């Protein structure tokens, strides 16, 4: 493998690692948000540990992102633009589904419960 192709692959792997980490976070945030609303001890723990439950969810999200990104980067594989495009589609879909899940939960909790 030439130096140019190795550099190009590393750039693609970095992009792919960032997208994969984003996918994990986009799944994590709606889950932790809804779980904290349904489980008082979880919400209290977040509040007591991090001053506010929003701050707690945010800091945990940053830590998870910072852990997943390098882990997915060091896994040996050849990245490709096709896989990045597929992962971006998955990411956008999950962002929309996560937003709908949070909105739906709070709509139900506020108006239908």
Protein backbone atom coordinates (compact mmCIF):
# COMPACT_ATOMS: atom_id res chain seq x y z
CA UNK A 1 0.00 0.00 0.00
CA UNK A 2 1.44 3.36 -1.00
CA UNK A 3 1.84 6.22 1.44
CA UNK A 4 -0.90 8.21 -0.30
CA UNK A 5 -3.41 5.38 -0.13
CA UNK A 6 -2.48 4.75 3.53
CA UNK A 7 -3.11 8.42 4.37
CA UNK A 8 -6.39 8.37 2.45
CA UNK A 9 -7.49 5.21 4.28
CA UNK A 10 -6.62 6.78 7.66
CA UNK A 11 -8.71 9.84 6.81
CA UNK A 12 -11.63 7.63 5.80
CA UNK A 13 -11.21 5.57 8.98
CA UNK A 14 -11.24 8.75 11.07
CA UNK A 15 -14.43 9.93 9.38
CA UNK A 16 -15.96 6.50 9.85
CA UNK A 17 -14.93 6.40 13.52
CA UNK A 18 -16.52 9.78 14.16
CA UNK A 19 -19.73 8.68 12.46
CA UNK A 20 -19.83 5.39 14.41
CA UNK A 21 -19.28 7.27 17.67
CA UNK A 22 -22.06 9.67 16.72
CA UNK A 23 -24.38 6.73 16.06
CA UNK A 24 -23.68 5.37 19.54
CA UNK A 25 -24.40 8.77 21.10
CA UNK A 26 -27.56 9.30 19.06
CA UNK A 27 -28.84 6.00 20.45
CA UNK A 28 -27.58 6.70 23.98
CA UNK A 29 -29.16 10.14 24.45
CA UNK A 30 -32.82 9.22 23.85
CA UNK A 31 -32.40 6.04 25.91
CA UNK A 32 -30.84 7.83 28.90
CA UNK A 33 -33.29 10.73 28.61
CA UNK A 34 -36.38 8.53 28.65
CA UNK A 35 -34.88 6.17 31.26
CA UNK A 36 -34.09 9.09 33.58
CA UNK A 37 -37.66 10.36 33.28
CA UNK A 38 -39.09 6.91 34.06
CA UNK A 39 -36.58 6.00 36.80
CA UNK A 40 -36.35 8.53 39.62
CA UNK A 41 -33.15 7.04 41.13
CA UNK A 42 -31.33 7.42 37.79
CA UNK A 43 -32.42 11.03 37.44
CA UNK A 44 -31.43 11.72 41.07
CA UNK A 45 -28.03 10.09 40.57
CA UNK A 46 -27.40 12.21 37.46
CA UNK A 47 -28.48 15.33 39.33
CA UNK A 48 -26.45 14.57 42.47
CA UNK A 49 -23.34 13.49 40.62
CA UNK A 50 -23.24 16.16 37.93
CA UNK A 51 -25.18 19.07 39.49
CA UNK A 52 -28.02 18.70 36.95
CA UNK A 53 -29.33 15.68 35.03
CA UNK A 54 -28.83 17.48 31.70
CA UNK A 55 -25.20 18.15 32.56
CA UNK A 56 -24.78 14.50 33.56
CA UNK A 57 -26.21 13.17 30.31
CA UNK A 58 -24.04 15.59 28.35
CA UNK A 59 -20.80 14.71 30.14
CA UNK A 60 -21.47 10.98 29.90
CA UNK A 61 -22.17 11.43 26.18
CA UNK A 62 -18.84 13.22 25.68
CA UNK A 63 -17.00 10.50 27.60
CA UNK A 64 -18.67 7.71 25.60
CA UNK A 65 -17.92 9.51 22.32
CA UNK A 66 -14.30 10.05 23.36
CA UNK A 67 -13.97 6.35 24.21
CA UNK A 68 -15.75 4.87 21.18
CA UNK A 69 -14.03 7.03 18.55
CA UNK A 70 -10.44 5.86 19.18
CA UNK A 71 -11.59 2.27 19.69
CA UNK A 72 -13.29 2.16 16.31
CA UNK A 73 -10.29 3.88 14.72
CA UNK A 74 -7.75 1.28 15.86
CA UNK A 75 -9.79 -1.70 14.69
CA UNK A 76 -8.06 -2.92 11.52
CA UNK A 77 -10.26 -2.54 8.46
CA UNK A 78 -10.20 -0.74 5.15
CA UNK A 79 -12.64 2.16 5.13
CA UNK A 80 -14.57 3.14 2.04
CA UNK A 81 -16.73 6.00 0.84
CA UNK A 82 -19.60 3.58 0.27
CA UNK A 83 -19.54 2.49 3.91
CA UNK A 84 -19.30 6.10 5.08
CA UNK A 85 -22.33 7.00 2.96
CA UNK A 86 -24.26 4.06 4.41
CA UNK A 87 -23.26 5.03 7.96
CA UNK A 88 -24.28 8.65 7.35
CA UNK A 89 -27.70 7.46 6.19
CA UNK A 90 -28.01 5.36 9.35
CA UNK A 91 -26.90 8.32 11.49
CA UNK A 92 -29.44 10.70 9.96
CA UNK A 93 -32.20 8.10 10.29
CA UNK A 94 -31.33 7.50 13.95
CA UNK A 95 -31.23 11.25 14.67
CA UNK A 96 -34.75 11.57 13.31
CA UNK A 97 -35.98 8.48 15.18
CA UNK A 98 -34.33 9.62 18.41
CA UNK A 99 -35.88 13.07 18.16
CA UNK A 100 -39.28 11.48 17.49
CA UNK A 101 -38.83 9.13 20.45
CA UNK A 102 -38.02 11.98 22.84
CA UNK A 103 -40.78 14.21 21.45
CA UNK A 104 -43.27 11.33 21.52
CA UNK A 105 -42.37 10.40 25.07
CA UNK A 106 -42.73 13.94 26.39
CA UNK A 107 -45.93 14.50 24.39
CA UNK A 108 -47.41 11.33 25.87
CA UNK A 109 -46.15 12.16 29.36
CA UNK A 110 -47.52 15.71 29.22
CA UNK A 111 -50.81 15.36 27.38
CA UNK A 112 -51.94 11.72 27.34
CA UNK A 113 -50.85 10.28 30.65
